Amino acid sequence: MQPATMKALVYDKSTMPWDTTRGFERREVIRPCLDPDDPADADRVIVKIIYSGFCGSDRGIWNRVAFKGMIF
């Protein structure tokens, strides 16, 4: 059985003002799950990430020099 939570890197706009913070925070979050009996989950998937990377635009977000108006 998998644990109910997992660690994730997050940017929370409500607690991390764009102009005075940098990067992401490592937080414990609820592990996503799908319910086979829920019709809303019928077209959803959970992807297990094996490898990941950063592109140039990620650096702009990390340093808060780009994309300010595009972060929701």
PDB file of N, CA and C in Angstrom:
ATOM      1  N   MET A   1       0.833  -1.187   0.000  1.00  0.00           N
ATOM      2  CA  MET A   1       0.000   0.000   0.000  1.00  0.00           C
ATOM      3  C   MET A   1       0.878   1.252   0.000  1.00  0.00           C
ATOM      4  N   GLN A   2       0.551   2.203  -0.861  1.00  0.00           N
ATOM      5  CA  GLN A   2       1.327   3.432  -0.954  1.00  0.00           C
ATOM      6  C   GLN A   2       0.939   4.408   0.152  1.00  0.00           C
ATOM      7  N   PRO A   3       1.896   5.226   0.609  1.00  0.00           N
ATOM      8  CA  PRO A   3       1.554   6.239   1.617  1.00  0.00           C
ATOM      9  C   PRO A   3       0.569   7.256   1.057  1.00  0.00           C
ATOM     10  N   ALA A   4      -0.178   7.908   1.927  1.00  0.00           N
ATOM     11  CA  ALA A   4      -1.196   8.877   1.516  1.00  0.00           C
ATOM     12  C   ALA A   4      -0.600  10.210   1.098  1.00  0.00           C
ATOM     13  N   THR A   5       0.672  10.433   1.403  1.00  0.00           N
ATOM     14  CA  THR A   5       1.320  11.692   1.033  1.00  0.00           C
ATOM     15  C   THR A   5       2.621  11.418   0.300  1.00  0.00           C
ATOM     16  N   MET A   6       3.152  12.473  -0.300  1.00  0.00           N
ATOM     17  CA  MET A   6       4.442  12.395  -0.983  1.00  0.00           C
ATOM     18  C   MET A   6       5.099  13.761  -0.928  1.00  0.00           C
ATOM     19  N   LYS A   7       6.390  13.807  -1.207  1.00  0.00           N
ATOM     20  CA  LYS A   7       7.110  15.075  -1.249  1.00  0.00           C
ATOM     21  C   LYS A   7       7.012  15.642  -2.659  1.00  0.00           C
ATOM     22  N   ALA A   8       6.878  16.968  -2.765  1.00  0.00           N
ATOM     23  CA  ALA A   8       6.786  17.633  -4.060  1.00  0.00           C
ATOM     24  C   ALA A   8       7.397  19.024  -3.974  1.00  0.00           C
ATOM     25  N   LEU A   9       7.915  19.505  -5.099  1.00  0.00           N
ATOM     26  CA  LEU A   9       8.367  20.896  -5.199  1.00  0.00           C
ATOM     27  C   LEU A   9       7.189  21.713  -5.684  1.00  0.00           C
ATOM     28  N   VAL A  10       6.851  22.760  -4.938  1.00  0.00           N
ATOM     29  CA  VAL A  10       5.666  23.553  -5.275  1.00  0.00           C
ATOM     30  C   VAL A  10       5.994  25.039  -5.257  1.00  0.00           C
ATOM     31  N   TYR A  11       5.217  25.774  -6.023  1.00  0.00           N
ATOM     32  CA  TYR A  11       5.201  27.228  -5.940  1.00  0.00           C
ATOM     33  C   TYR A  11       3.777  27.601  -5.590  1.00  0.00           C
ATOM     34  N   ASP A  12       3.569  28.167  -4.414  1.00  0.00           N
ATOM     35  CA  ASP A  12       2.247  28.570  -3.936  1.00  0.00           C
ATOM     36  C   ASP A  12       2.161  30.093  -3.999  1.00  0.00           C
ATOM     37  N   LYS A  13       1.436  30.571  -4.987  1.00  0.00           N
ATOM     38  CA  LYS A  13       1.333  32.017  -5.212  1.00  0.00           C
ATOM     39  C   LYS A  13       0.762  32.751  -4.002  1.00  0.00           C
ATOM     40  N   SER A  14      -0.089  32.096  -3.211  1.00  0.00           N
ATOM     41  CA  SER A  14      -0.714  32.768  -2.067  1.00  0.00           C
ATOM     42  C   SER A  14       0.252  32.974  -0.898  1.00  0.00           C
ATOM     43  N   THR A  15       1.296  32.154  -0.799  1.00  0.00           N
ATOM     44  CA  THR A  15       2.228  32.291   0.320  1.00  0.00           C
ATOM     45  C   THR A  15       3.643  32.667  -0.113  1.00  0.00           C
ATOM     46  N   MET A  16       3.898  32.680  -1.424  1.00  0.00           N
ATOM     47  CA  MET A  16       5.233  32.975  -1.933  1.00  0.00           C
ATOM     48  C   MET A  16       5.137  34.134  -2.934  1.00  0.00           C
ATOM     49  N   PRO A  17       5.094  35.380  -2.464  1.00  0.00           N
ATOM     50  CA  PRO A  17       4.977  36.510  -3.384  1.00  0.00           C
ATOM     51  C   PRO A  17       6.074  36.473  -4.457  1.00  0.00           C
ATOM     52  N   TRP A  18       5.670  36.728  -5.680  1.00  0.00           N
ATOM     53  CA  TRP A  18       6.581  36.617  -6.829  1.00  0.00           C
ATOM     54  C   TRP A  18       7.838  37.467  -6.658  1.00  0.00           C
ATOM     55  N   ASP A  19       7.675  38.690  -6.203  1.00  0.00           N
ATOM     56  CA  ASP A  19       8.808  39.624  -6.155  1.00  0.00           C
ATOM     57  C   ASP A  19       9.731  39.441  -4.961  1.00  0.00           C
ATOM     58  N   THR A  20       9.343  38.659  -3.963  1.00  0.00           N
ATOM     59  CA  THR A  20      10.174  38.543  -2.759  1.00  0.00           C
ATOM     60  C   THR A  20      10.598  37.109  -2.453  1.00  0.00           C
ATOM     61  N   THR A  21      10.305  36.166  -3.330  1.00  0.00           N
ATOM     62  CA  THR A  21      10.725  34.787  -3.108  1.00  0.00           C
ATOM     63  C   THR A  21      11.496  34.290  -4.319  1.00  0.00           C
ATOM     64  N   ARG A  22      12.037  33.084  -4.171  1.00  0.00           N
ATOM     65  CA  ARG A  22      12.808  32.498  -5.254  1.00  0.00           C
ATOM     66  C   ARG A  22      12.670  30.982  -5.193  1.00  0.00           C
ATOM     67  N   GLY A  23      12.558  30.360  -6.336  1.00  0.00           N
ATOM     68  CA  GLY A  23      12.545  28.916  -6.396  1.00  0.00           C
ATOM     69  C   GLY A  23      11.214  28.294  -6.020  1.00  0.00           C
ATOM     70  N   PHE A  24      11.291  27.083  -5.494  1.00  0.00           N
ATOM     71  CA  PHE A  24      10.139  26.306  -5.078  1.00  0.00           C
ATOM     72  C   PHE A  24      10.331  25.891  -3.626  1.00  0.00           C
ATOM     73  N   GLU A  25       9.277  25.386  -3.006  1.00  0.00           N
ATOM     74  CA  GLU A  25       9.382  24.823  -1.659  1.00  0.00           C
ATOM     75  C   GLU A  25       9.133  23.329  -1.742  1.00  0.00           C
ATOM     76  N   ARG A  26       9.862  22.578  -0.943  1.00  0.00           N
ATOM     77  CA  ARG A  26       9.618  21.142  -0.845  1.00  0.00           C
ATOM     78  C   ARG A  26       8.562  20.945   0.235  1.00  0.00           C
ATOM     79  N   ARG A  27       7.433  20.352  -0.156  1.00  0.00           N
ATOM     80  CA  ARG A  27       6.318  20.155   0.776  1.00  0.00           C
ATOM     81  C   ARG A  27       5.792  18.728   0.711  1.00  0.00           C
ATOM     82  N   GLU A  28       5.157  18.350   1.777  1.00  0.00           N
ATOM     83  CA  GLU A  28       4.433  17.082   1.826  1.00  0.00           C
ATOM     84  C   GLU A  28       3.030  17.365   1.287  1.00  0.00           C
ATOM     85  N   VAL A  29       2.633  16.664   0.239  1.00  0.00           N
ATOM     86  CA  VAL A  29       1.330  16.869  -0.389  1.00  0.00           C
ATOM     87  C   VAL A  29       0.570  15.543  -0.457  1.00  0.00           C
ATOM     88  N   ILE A  30      -0.715  15.625  -0.685  1.00  0.00           N
ATOM     89  CA  ILE A  30      -1.534  14.420  -0.808  1.00  0.00           C
ATOM     90  C   ILE A  30      -1.174  13.708  -2.109  1.00  0.00           C
ATOM     91  N   ARG A  31      -0.925  12.412  -2.028  1.00  0.00           N
ATOM     92  CA  ARG A  31      -0.594  11.621  -3.206  1.00  0.00           C
ATOM     93  C   ARG A  31      -1.838  11.500  -4.088  1.00  0.00           C
ATOM     94  N   PRO A  32      -1.707  11.799  -5.372  1.00  0.00           N
ATOM     95  CA  PRO A  32      -2.869  11.682  -6.252  1.00  0.00           C
ATOM     96  C   PRO A  32      -3.289  10.222  -6.420  1.00  0.00           C
ATOM     97  N   CYS A  33      -4.564  10.016  -6.586  1.00  0.00           N
ATOM     98  CA  CYS A  33      -5.065   8.670  -6.839  1.00  0.00           C
ATOM     99  C   CYS A  33      -6.288   8.767  -7.745  1.00  0.00           C
ATOM    100  N   LEU A  34      -6.561   7.696  -8.438  1.00  0.00           N
ATOM    101  CA  LEU A  34      -7.717   7.631  -9.327  1.00  0.00           C
ATOM    102  C   LEU A  34      -8.697   6.608  -8.790  1.00  0.00           C
ATOM    103  N   ASP A  35      -9.966   6.918  -8.880  1.00  0.00           N
ATOM    104  CA  ASP A  35     -11.031   6.020  -8.447  1.00  0.00           C
ATOM    105  C   ASP A  35     -11.631   5.366  -9.689  1.00  0.00           C
ATOM    106  N   PRO A  36     -11.490   4.047  -9.863  1.00  0.00           N
ATOM    107  CA  PRO A  36     -12.009   3.396 -11.058  1.00  0.00           C
ATOM    108  C   PRO A  36     -13.526   3.489 -11.200  1.00  0.00           C
ATOM    109  N   ASP A  37     -14.231   3.783 -10.113  1.00  0.00           N
ATOM    110  CA  ASP A  37     -15.686   3.899 -10.165  1.00  0.00           C
ATOM    111  C   ASP A  37     -16.178   5.325 -10.394  1.00  0.00           C
ATOM    112  N   ASP A  38     -15.249   6.289 -10.456  1.00  0.00           N
ATOM    113  CA  ASP A  38     -15.615   7.691 -10.657  1.00  0.00           C
ATOM    114  C   ASP A  38     -15.518   8.033 -12.143  1.00  0.00           C
ATOM    115  N   PRO A  39     -16.638   8.362 -12.793  1.00  0.00           N
ATOM    116  CA  PRO A  39     -16.591   8.690 -14.220  1.00  0.00           C
ATOM    117  C   PRO A  39     -15.670   9.869 -14.546  1.00  0.00           C
ATOM    118  N   ALA A  40     -15.480  10.782 -13.607  1.00  0.00           N
ATOM    119  CA  ALA A  40     -14.594  11.925 -13.837  1.00  0.00           C
ATOM    120  C   ALA A  40     -13.146  11.484 -13.993  1.00  0.00           C
ATOM    121  N   ASP A  41     -12.782  10.346 -13.430  1.00  0.00           N
ATOM    122  CA  ASP A  41     -11.412   9.831 -13.526  1.00  0.00           C
ATOM    123  C   ASP A  41     -11.185   8.966 -14.760  1.00  0.00           C
ATOM    124  N   ALA A  42     -12.210   8.729 -15.549  1.00  0.00           N
ATOM    125  CA  ALA A  42     -12.111   7.810 -16.687  1.00  0.00           C
ATOM    126  C   ALA A  42     -11.094   8.249 -17.732  1.00  0.00           C
ATOM    127  N   ASP A  43     -10.890   9.556 -17.896  1.00  0.00           N
ATOM    128  CA  ASP A  43      -9.941  10.028 -18.903  1.00  0.00           C
ATOM    129  C   ASP A  43      -8.699  10.670 -18.280  1.00  0.00           C
ATOM    130  N   ARG A  44      -8.351  10.258 -17.079  1.00  0.00           N
ATOM    131  CA  ARG A  44      -7.174  10.786 -16.385  1.00  0.00           C
ATOM    132  C   ARG A  44      -6.148   9.680 -16.190  1.00  0.00           C
ATOM    133  N   VAL A  45      -4.892  10.081 -16.063  1.00  0.00           N
ATOM    134  CA  VAL A  45      -3.812   9.127 -15.804  1.00  0.00           C
ATOM    135  C   VAL A  45      -2.869   9.721 -14.764  1.00  0.00           C
ATOM    136  N   ILE A  46      -2.138   8.868 -14.098  1.00  0.00           N
ATOM    137  CA  ILE A  46      -1.059   9.295 -13.208  1.00  0.00           C
ATOM    138  C   ILE A  46       0.230   8.814 -13.857  1.00  0.00           C
ATOM    139  N   VAL A  47       1.170   9.727 -14.041  1.00  0.00           N
ATOM    140  CA  VAL A  47       2.418   9.419 -14.722  1.00  0.00           C
ATOM    141  C   VAL A  47       3.532   9.304 -13.686  1.00  0.00           C
ATOM    142  N   LYS A  48       4.274   8.223 -13.735  1.00  0.00           N
ATOM    143  CA  LYS A  48       5.430   8.062 -12.862  1.00  0.00           C
ATOM    144  C   LYS A  48       6.655   8.608 -13.593  1.00  0.00           C
ATOM    145  N   ILE A  49       7.263   9.636 -13.039  1.00  0.00           N
ATOM    146  CA  ILE A  49       8.409  10.287 -13.663  1.00  0.00           C
ATOM    147  C   ILE A  49       9.677   9.492 -13.346  1.00  0.00           C
ATOM    148  N   ILE A  50      10.401   9.121 -14.370  1.00  0.00           N
ATOM    149  CA  ILE A  50      11.670   8.407 -14.204  1.00  0.00           C
ATOM    150  C   ILE A  50      12.829   9.398 -14.252  1.00  0.00           C
ATOM    151  N   TYR A  51      12.827  10.280 -15.262  1.00  0.00           N
ATOM    152  CA  TYR A  51      13.837  11.315 -15.432  1.00  0.00           C
ATOM    153  C   TYR A  51      13.140  12.648 -15.667  1.00  0.00           C
ATOM    154  N   SER A  52      13.785  13.715 -15.290  1.00  0.00           N
ATOM    155  CA  SER A  52      13.246  15.045 -15.571  1.00  0.00           C
ATOM    156  C   SER A  52      14.403  16.007 -15.810  1.00  0.00           C
ATOM    157  N   GLY A  53      14.074  17.181 -16.272  1.00  0.00           N
ATOM    158  CA  GLY A  53      15.091  18.183 -16.518  1.00  0.00           C
ATOM    159  C   GLY A  53      14.481  19.568 -16.462  1.00  0.00           C
ATOM    160  N   PHE A  54      15.323  20.554 -16.621  1.00  0.00           N
ATOM    161  CA  PHE A  54      14.884  21.948 -16.626  1.00  0.00           C
ATOM    162  C   PHE A  54      15.251  22.560 -17.959  1.00  0.00           C
ATOM    163  N   CYS A  55      14.397  23.423 -18.447  1.00  0.00           N
ATOM    164  CA  CYS A  55      14.730  24.164 -19.670  1.00  0.00           C
ATOM    165  C   CYS A  55      15.048  25.611 -19.284  1.00  0.00           C
ATOM    166  N   GLY A  56      15.440  26.397 -20.256  1.00  0.00           N
ATOM    167  CA  GLY A  56      15.825  27.779 -19.985  1.00  0.00           C
ATOM    168  C   GLY A  56      14.732  28.609 -19.345  1.00  0.00           C
ATOM    169  N   SER A  57      13.472  28.353 -19.726  1.00  0.00           N
ATOM    170  CA  SER A  57      12.381  29.138 -19.142  1.00  0.00           C
ATOM    171  C   SER A  57      12.200  28.824 -17.658  1.00  0.00           C
ATOM    172  N   ASP A  58      12.532  27.607 -17.234  1.00  0.00           N
ATOM    173  CA  ASP A  58      12.447  27.264 -15.809  1.00  0.00           C
ATOM    174  C   ASP A  58      13.398  28.130 -14.988  1.00  0.00           C
ATOM    175  N   ARG A  59      14.548  28.434 -15.536  1.00  0.00           N
ATOM    176  CA  ARG A  59      15.507  29.296 -14.835  1.00  0.00           C
ATOM    177  C   ARG A  59      14.915  30.690 -14.614  1.00  0.00           C
ATOM    178  N   GLY A  60      14.192  31.209 -15.612  1.00  0.00           N
ATOM    179  CA  GLY A  60      13.547  32.512 -15.473  1.00  0.00           C
ATOM    180  C   GLY A  60      12.494  32.516 -14.386  1.00  0.00           C
ATOM    181  N   ILE A  61      11.756  31.418 -14.265  1.00  0.00           N
ATOM    182  CA  ILE A  61      10.748  31.303 -13.201  1.00  0.00           C
ATOM    183  C   ILE A  61      11.438  31.198 -11.846  1.00  0.00           C
ATOM    184  N   TRP A  62      12.463  30.367 -11.743  1.00  0.00           N
ATOM    185  CA  TRP A  62      13.182  30.176 -10.480  1.00  0.00           C
ATOM    186  C   TRP A  62      13.718  31.503  -9.950  1.00  0.00           C
ATOM    187  N   ASN A  63      14.320  32.286 -10.833  1.00  0.00           N
ATOM    188  CA  ASN A  63      14.920  33.563 -10.427  1.00  0.00           C
ATOM    189  C   ASN A  63      13.941  34.729 -10.449  1.00  0.00           C
ATOM    190  N   ARG A  64      12.679  34.461 -10.821  1.00  0.00           N
ATOM    191  CA  ARG A  64      11.602  35.450 -10.842  1.00  0.00           C
ATOM    192  C   ARG A  64      11.891  36.615 -11.781  1.00  0.00           C
ATOM    193  N   VAL A  65      12.503  36.335 -12.927  1.00  0.00           N
ATOM    194  CA  VAL A  65      12.788  37.374 -13.908  1.00  0.00           C
ATOM    195  C   VAL A  65      11.937  37.240 -15.169  1.00  0.00           C
ATOM    196  N   ALA A  66      11.125  36.200 -15.250  1.00  0.00           N
ATOM    197  CA  ALA A  66      10.321  35.987 -16.456  1.00  0.00           C
ATOM    198  C   ALA A  66       8.992  35.343 -16.085  1.00  0.00           C
ATOM    199  N   PHE A  67       7.993  35.549 -16.925  1.00  0.00           N
ATOM    200  CA  PHE A  67       6.695  34.869 -16.850  1.00  0.00           C
ATOM    201  C   PHE A  67       5.818  35.272 -15.673  1.00  0.00           C
ATOM    202  N   LYS A  68       6.071  36.380 -15.038  1.00  0.00           N
ATOM    203  CA  LYS A  68       5.280  36.799 -13.878  1.00  0.00           C
ATOM    204  C   LYS A  68       3.786  36.823 -14.184  1.00  0.00           C
ATOM    205  N   GLY A  69       3.400  37.369 -15.308  1.00  0.00           N
ATOM    206  CA  GLY A  69       1.975  37.466 -15.656  1.00  0.00           C
ATOM    207  C   GLY A  69       1.346  36.157 -16.084  1.00  0.00           C
ATOM    208  N   MET A  70       2.148  35.108 -16.260  1.00  0.00           N
ATOM    209  CA  MET A  70       1.636  33.834 -16.744  1.00  0.00           C
ATOM    210  C   MET A  70       1.490  32.787 -15.635  1.00  0.00           C
ATOM    211  N   ILE A  71       1.949  33.082 -14.443  1.00  0.00           N
ATOM    212  CA  ILE A  71       1.861  32.131 -13.331  1.00  0.00           C
ATOM    213  C   ILE A  71       0.528  32.298 -12.653  1.00  0.00           C
ATOM    214  N   PHE A  72      -0.236  31.230 -12.575  1.00  0.00           N
ATOM    215  CA  PHE A  72      -1.593  31.287 -12.017  1.00  0.00           C
ATOM    216  C   PHE A  72      -1.597  30.942 -10.563  1.00  0.00           C
TER     217      PHE A  72
END
